[in-house]
Amino acid sequence: MTAVRIPPTLRAEVGGARQLEADGETVRDVLEDLTGRYPALAPHLWEGGDVAPFVNVYVGGEDVRTLDGLETEVNGSQVILLPAMAGG
């Protein structure tokens, strides 16, 4: 199982949890497991079968966009979800 940190802006969709466990070998697997159990989270993470462009995903402190994207292996590392914030 992989620990997934949930940011405050998405906690309402997961019952207020700060961190959840998800199953999978890759980022895609982990996010699919998570959104399968918490469907309200899906529109905040996915866009056209890929991670939405306004969502940053980190594995072991590294942005997955600089690694193998959704195919990045988690290898027990913590996954952090970080939606971009806008405003002024």
N, C-alpha and C. Protein backbone atom coordinates (compact mmCIF):
# COMPACT_ATOMS: atom_id res chain seq x y z
N MET A 1 0.84 -1.18 0.00
CA MET A 1 0.00 0.00 0.00
C MET A 1 0.89 1.24 0.00
N THR A 2 0.36 2.28 -0.61
CA THR A 2 1.07 3.55 -0.73
C THR A 2 0.31 4.63 0.02
N ALA A 3 1.01 5.42 0.80
CA ALA A 3 0.40 6.55 1.49
C ALA A 3 0.23 7.69 0.51
N VAL A 4 -0.98 8.26 0.47
CA VAL A 4 -1.28 9.38 -0.42
C VAL A 4 -1.71 10.56 0.44
N ARG A 5 -0.95 11.65 0.38
CA ARG A 5 -1.30 12.87 1.12
C ARG A 5 -2.37 13.62 0.35
N ILE A 6 -3.43 14.00 1.08
CA ILE A 6 -4.55 14.70 0.49
C ILE A 6 -4.50 16.17 0.94
N PRO A 7 -4.48 17.11 -0.02
CA PRO A 7 -4.42 18.51 0.37
C PRO A 7 -5.75 18.99 0.95
N PRO A 8 -5.74 20.06 1.75
CA PRO A 8 -6.97 20.56 2.37
C PRO A 8 -8.10 20.81 1.36
N THR A 9 -7.77 21.25 0.16
CA THR A 9 -8.80 21.57 -0.83
C THR A 9 -9.55 20.34 -1.33
N LEU A 10 -9.00 19.15 -1.12
CA LEU A 10 -9.65 17.92 -1.61
C LEU A 10 -10.16 17.02 -0.49
N ARG A 11 -9.96 17.42 0.75
CA ARG A 11 -10.33 16.55 1.87
C ARG A 11 -11.83 16.31 2.00
N ALA A 12 -12.65 17.25 1.58
CA ALA A 12 -14.10 17.05 1.66
C ALA A 12 -14.52 15.86 0.81
N GLU A 13 -13.83 15.62 -0.30
CA GLU A 13 -14.16 14.52 -1.20
C GLU A 13 -13.76 13.15 -0.64
N VAL A 14 -12.94 13.14 0.40
CA VAL A 14 -12.48 11.88 0.98
C VAL A 14 -12.83 11.79 2.46
N GLY A 15 -13.88 12.45 2.86
CA GLY A 15 -14.34 12.36 4.24
C GLY A 15 -13.44 13.06 5.25
N GLY A 16 -12.65 14.02 4.80
CA GLY A 16 -11.81 14.80 5.69
C GLY A 16 -10.43 14.23 5.96
N ALA A 17 -10.10 13.11 5.34
CA ALA A 17 -8.81 12.46 5.59
C ALA A 17 -7.64 13.29 5.07
N ARG A 18 -6.58 13.34 5.87
CA ARG A 18 -5.34 14.03 5.47
C ARG A 18 -4.45 13.11 4.65
N GLN A 19 -4.60 11.81 4.89
CA GLN A 19 -3.79 10.81 4.20
C GLN A 19 -4.60 9.54 4.06
N LEU A 20 -4.44 8.89 2.92
CA LEU A 20 -5.12 7.63 2.65
C LEU A 20 -4.11 6.62 2.14
N GLU A 21 -4.47 5.36 2.23
CA GLU A 21 -3.66 4.30 1.66
C GLU A 21 -4.30 3.89 0.34
N ALA A 22 -3.48 3.63 -0.65
CA ALA A 22 -3.99 3.19 -1.94
C ALA A 22 -3.07 2.08 -2.47
N ASP A 23 -3.63 1.22 -3.28
CA ASP A 23 -2.91 0.08 -3.81
C ASP A 23 -2.49 0.35 -5.24
N GLY A 24 -1.32 -0.13 -5.61
CA GLY A 24 -0.87 -0.02 -6.98
C GLY A 24 0.63 0.08 -7.09
N GLU A 25 1.14 -0.27 -8.26
CA GLU A 25 2.58 -0.23 -8.51
C GLU A 25 3.02 1.08 -9.15
N THR A 26 2.09 1.74 -9.87
CA THR A 26 2.43 2.99 -10.55
C THR A 26 1.51 4.10 -10.03
N VAL A 27 1.85 5.32 -10.38
CA VAL A 27 1.00 6.46 -10.00
C VAL A 27 -0.41 6.26 -10.56
N ARG A 28 -0.51 5.82 -11.81
CA ARG A 28 -1.84 5.58 -12.40
C ARG A 28 -2.63 4.58 -11.56
N ASP A 29 -2.01 3.47 -11.20
CA ASP A 29 -2.68 2.45 -10.39
C ASP A 29 -3.17 3.03 -9.07
N VAL A 30 -2.31 3.78 -8.40
CA VAL A 30 -2.65 4.36 -7.10
C VAL A 30 -3.82 5.34 -7.23
N LEU A 31 -3.75 6.22 -8.23
CA LEU A 31 -4.83 7.20 -8.41
C LEU A 31 -6.13 6.54 -8.84
N GLU A 32 -6.05 5.51 -9.66
CA GLU A 32 -7.27 4.79 -10.05
C GLU A 32 -7.89 4.08 -8.86
N ASP A 33 -7.07 3.49 -8.00
CA ASP A 33 -7.58 2.85 -6.79
C ASP A 33 -8.26 3.89 -5.89
N LEU A 34 -7.61 5.01 -5.72
CA LEU A 34 -8.13 6.06 -4.86
C LEU A 34 -9.44 6.63 -5.39
N THR A 35 -9.48 6.96 -6.68
CA THR A 35 -10.71 7.53 -7.24
C THR A 35 -11.80 6.49 -7.42
N GLY A 36 -11.43 5.22 -7.49
CA GLY A 36 -12.44 4.17 -7.51
C GLY A 36 -13.16 4.06 -6.18
N ARG A 37 -12.45 4.29 -5.10
CA ARG A 37 -13.05 4.24 -3.76
C ARG A 37 -13.69 5.56 -3.36
N TYR A 38 -13.21 6.65 -3.93
CA TYR A 38 -13.73 7.99 -3.64
C TYR A 38 -14.07 8.69 -4.96
N PRO A 39 -15.19 8.32 -5.58
CA PRO A 39 -15.54 8.85 -6.90
C PRO A 39 -15.65 10.37 -6.96
N ALA A 40 -15.98 11.02 -5.87
CA ALA A 40 -16.09 12.48 -5.87
C ALA A 40 -14.74 13.14 -6.11
N LEU A 41 -13.67 12.40 -5.89
CA LEU A 41 -12.32 12.91 -6.10
C LEU A 41 -11.93 12.92 -7.58
N ALA A 42 -12.52 12.03 -8.35
CA ALA A 42 -12.13 11.84 -9.76
C ALA A 42 -12.16 13.13 -10.60
N PRO A 43 -13.24 13.93 -10.58
CA PRO A 43 -13.23 15.12 -11.42
C PRO A 43 -12.18 16.16 -11.01
N HIS A 44 -11.65 16.04 -9.83
CA HIS A 44 -10.61 16.96 -9.37
C HIS A 44 -9.21 16.51 -9.77
N LEU A 45 -9.08 15.25 -10.18
CA LEU A 45 -7.76 14.71 -10.52
C LEU A 45 -7.59 14.37 -11.99
N TRP A 46 -8.65 13.89 -12.63
CA TRP A 46 -8.55 13.38 -14.00
C TRP A 46 -9.12 14.35 -15.02
N GLU A 47 -8.49 14.37 -16.18
CA GLU A 47 -9.01 15.13 -17.32
C GLU A 47 -8.59 14.38 -18.58
N GLY A 48 -9.56 13.83 -19.28
CA GLY A 48 -9.28 13.11 -20.51
C GLY A 48 -8.37 11.90 -20.34
N GLY A 49 -8.50 11.19 -19.21
CA GLY A 49 -7.71 9.99 -18.98
C GLY A 49 -6.31 10.25 -18.47
N ASP A 50 -5.99 11.51 -18.22
CA ASP A 50 -4.68 11.87 -17.70
C ASP A 50 -4.89 12.72 -16.44
N VAL A 51 -3.84 12.94 -15.69
CA VAL A 51 -3.94 13.82 -14.54
C VAL A 51 -4.23 15.23 -15.07
N ALA A 52 -5.19 15.89 -14.47
CA ALA A 52 -5.54 17.24 -14.89
C ALA A 52 -4.30 18.14 -14.85
N PRO A 53 -4.19 19.07 -15.80
CA PRO A 53 -2.98 19.90 -15.87
C PRO A 53 -2.76 20.79 -14.65
N PHE A 54 -3.80 21.04 -13.88
CA PHE A 54 -3.68 21.89 -12.70
C PHE A 54 -3.37 21.09 -11.43
N VAL A 55 -3.14 19.78 -11.58
CA VAL A 55 -2.81 18.94 -10.43
C VAL A 55 -1.36 18.47 -10.56
N ASN A 56 -0.59 18.73 -9.53
CA ASN A 56 0.79 18.24 -9.47
C ASN A 56 0.81 17.00 -8.60
N VAL A 57 1.54 15.99 -9.05
CA VAL A 57 1.66 14.74 -8.31
C VAL A 57 3.14 14.50 -8.07
N TYR A 58 3.48 14.24 -6.80
CA TYR A 58 4.86 14.00 -6.41
C TYR A 58 5.01 12.61 -5.83
N VAL A 59 6.09 11.95 -6.19
CA VAL A 59 6.44 10.65 -5.63
C VAL A 59 7.84 10.79 -5.05
N GLY A 60 7.96 10.55 -3.76
CA GLY A 60 9.26 10.70 -3.13
C GLY A 60 9.84 12.09 -3.29
N GLY A 61 8.98 13.10 -3.34
CA GLY A 61 9.44 14.48 -3.47
C GLY A 61 9.72 14.93 -4.88
N GLU A 62 9.55 14.06 -5.87
CA GLU A 62 9.82 14.40 -7.27
C GLU A 62 8.51 14.53 -8.05
N ASP A 63 8.40 15.58 -8.85
CA ASP A 63 7.23 15.77 -9.71
C ASP A 63 7.22 14.65 -10.75
N VAL A 64 6.11 13.92 -10.85
CA VAL A 64 6.06 12.79 -11.78
C VAL A 64 6.17 13.23 -13.24
N ARG A 65 5.90 14.50 -13.52
CA ARG A 65 6.05 14.98 -14.90
C ARG A 65 7.52 14.97 -15.33
N THR A 66 8.44 15.02 -14.38
CA THR A 66 9.86 14.96 -14.71
C THR A 66 10.38 13.52 -14.65
N LEU A 67 9.51 12.60 -14.26
CA LEU A 67 9.86 11.18 -14.19
C LEU A 67 9.16 10.47 -15.35
N ASP A 68 8.38 9.44 -15.04
CA ASP A 68 7.67 8.69 -16.08
C ASP A 68 6.18 8.98 -16.10
N GLY A 69 5.78 10.15 -15.60
CA GLY A 69 4.37 10.52 -15.60
C GLY A 69 3.55 9.53 -14.80
N LEU A 70 2.40 9.16 -15.32
CA LEU A 70 1.50 8.23 -14.64
C LEU A 70 2.10 6.83 -14.52
N GLU A 71 3.09 6.53 -15.31
CA GLU A 71 3.71 5.21 -15.25
C GLU A 71 4.88 5.16 -14.25
N THR A 72 5.11 6.24 -13.53
CA THR A 72 6.13 6.27 -12.49
C THR A 72 5.81 5.24 -11.43
N GLU A 73 6.76 4.39 -11.11
CA GLU A 73 6.56 3.39 -10.06
C GLU A 73 6.65 4.05 -8.70
N VAL A 74 5.75 3.66 -7.81
CA VAL A 74 5.72 4.28 -6.48
C VAL A 74 6.68 3.61 -5.51
N ASN A 75 6.90 2.32 -5.65
CA ASN A 75 7.88 1.59 -4.82
C ASN A 75 7.76 1.93 -3.33
N GLY A 76 6.54 2.06 -2.83
CA GLY A 76 6.35 2.33 -1.41
C GLY A 76 6.58 3.78 -1.00
N SER A 77 6.94 4.64 -1.94
CA SER A 77 7.15 6.05 -1.62
C SER A 77 5.81 6.75 -1.40
N GLN A 78 5.85 7.81 -0.64
CA GLN A 78 4.64 8.59 -0.42
C GLN A 78 4.29 9.36 -1.69
N VAL A 79 2.98 9.42 -1.99
CA VAL A 79 2.46 10.20 -3.11
C VAL A 79 1.79 11.43 -2.54
N ILE A 80 2.11 12.58 -3.10
CA ILE A 80 1.51 13.83 -2.65
C ILE A 80 0.74 14.44 -3.81
N LEU A 81 -0.51 14.77 -3.56
CA LEU A 81 -1.36 15.46 -4.54
C LEU A 81 -1.34 16.95 -4.19
N LEU A 82 -1.10 17.80 -5.18
CA LEU A 82 -1.01 19.22 -4.93
C LEU A 82 -1.66 20.01 -6.07
N PRO A 83 -2.96 20.30 -5.95
CA PRO A 83 -3.62 21.10 -6.98
C PRO A 83 -3.05 22.52 -6.99
N ALA A 84 -2.91 23.07 -8.18
CA ALA A 84 -2.44 24.46 -8.29
C ALA A 84 -3.51 25.39 -7.74
N MET A 85 -3.06 26.43 -7.10
CA MET A 85 -3.98 27.42 -6.54
C MET A 85 -3.90 28.67 -7.40
N ALA A 86 -5.04 29.31 -7.58
CA ALA A 86 -5.09 30.56 -8.34
C ALA A 86 -5.71 31.63 -7.46
N GLY A 87 -5.45 32.82 -7.82
CA GLY A 87 -6.04 33.92 -7.06
C GLY A 87 -5.08 35.07 -6.94
N GLY A 88 -5.48 36.04 -6.19
CA GLY A 88 -4.59 37.19 -6.09
C GLY A 88 -4.89 38.02 -4.90
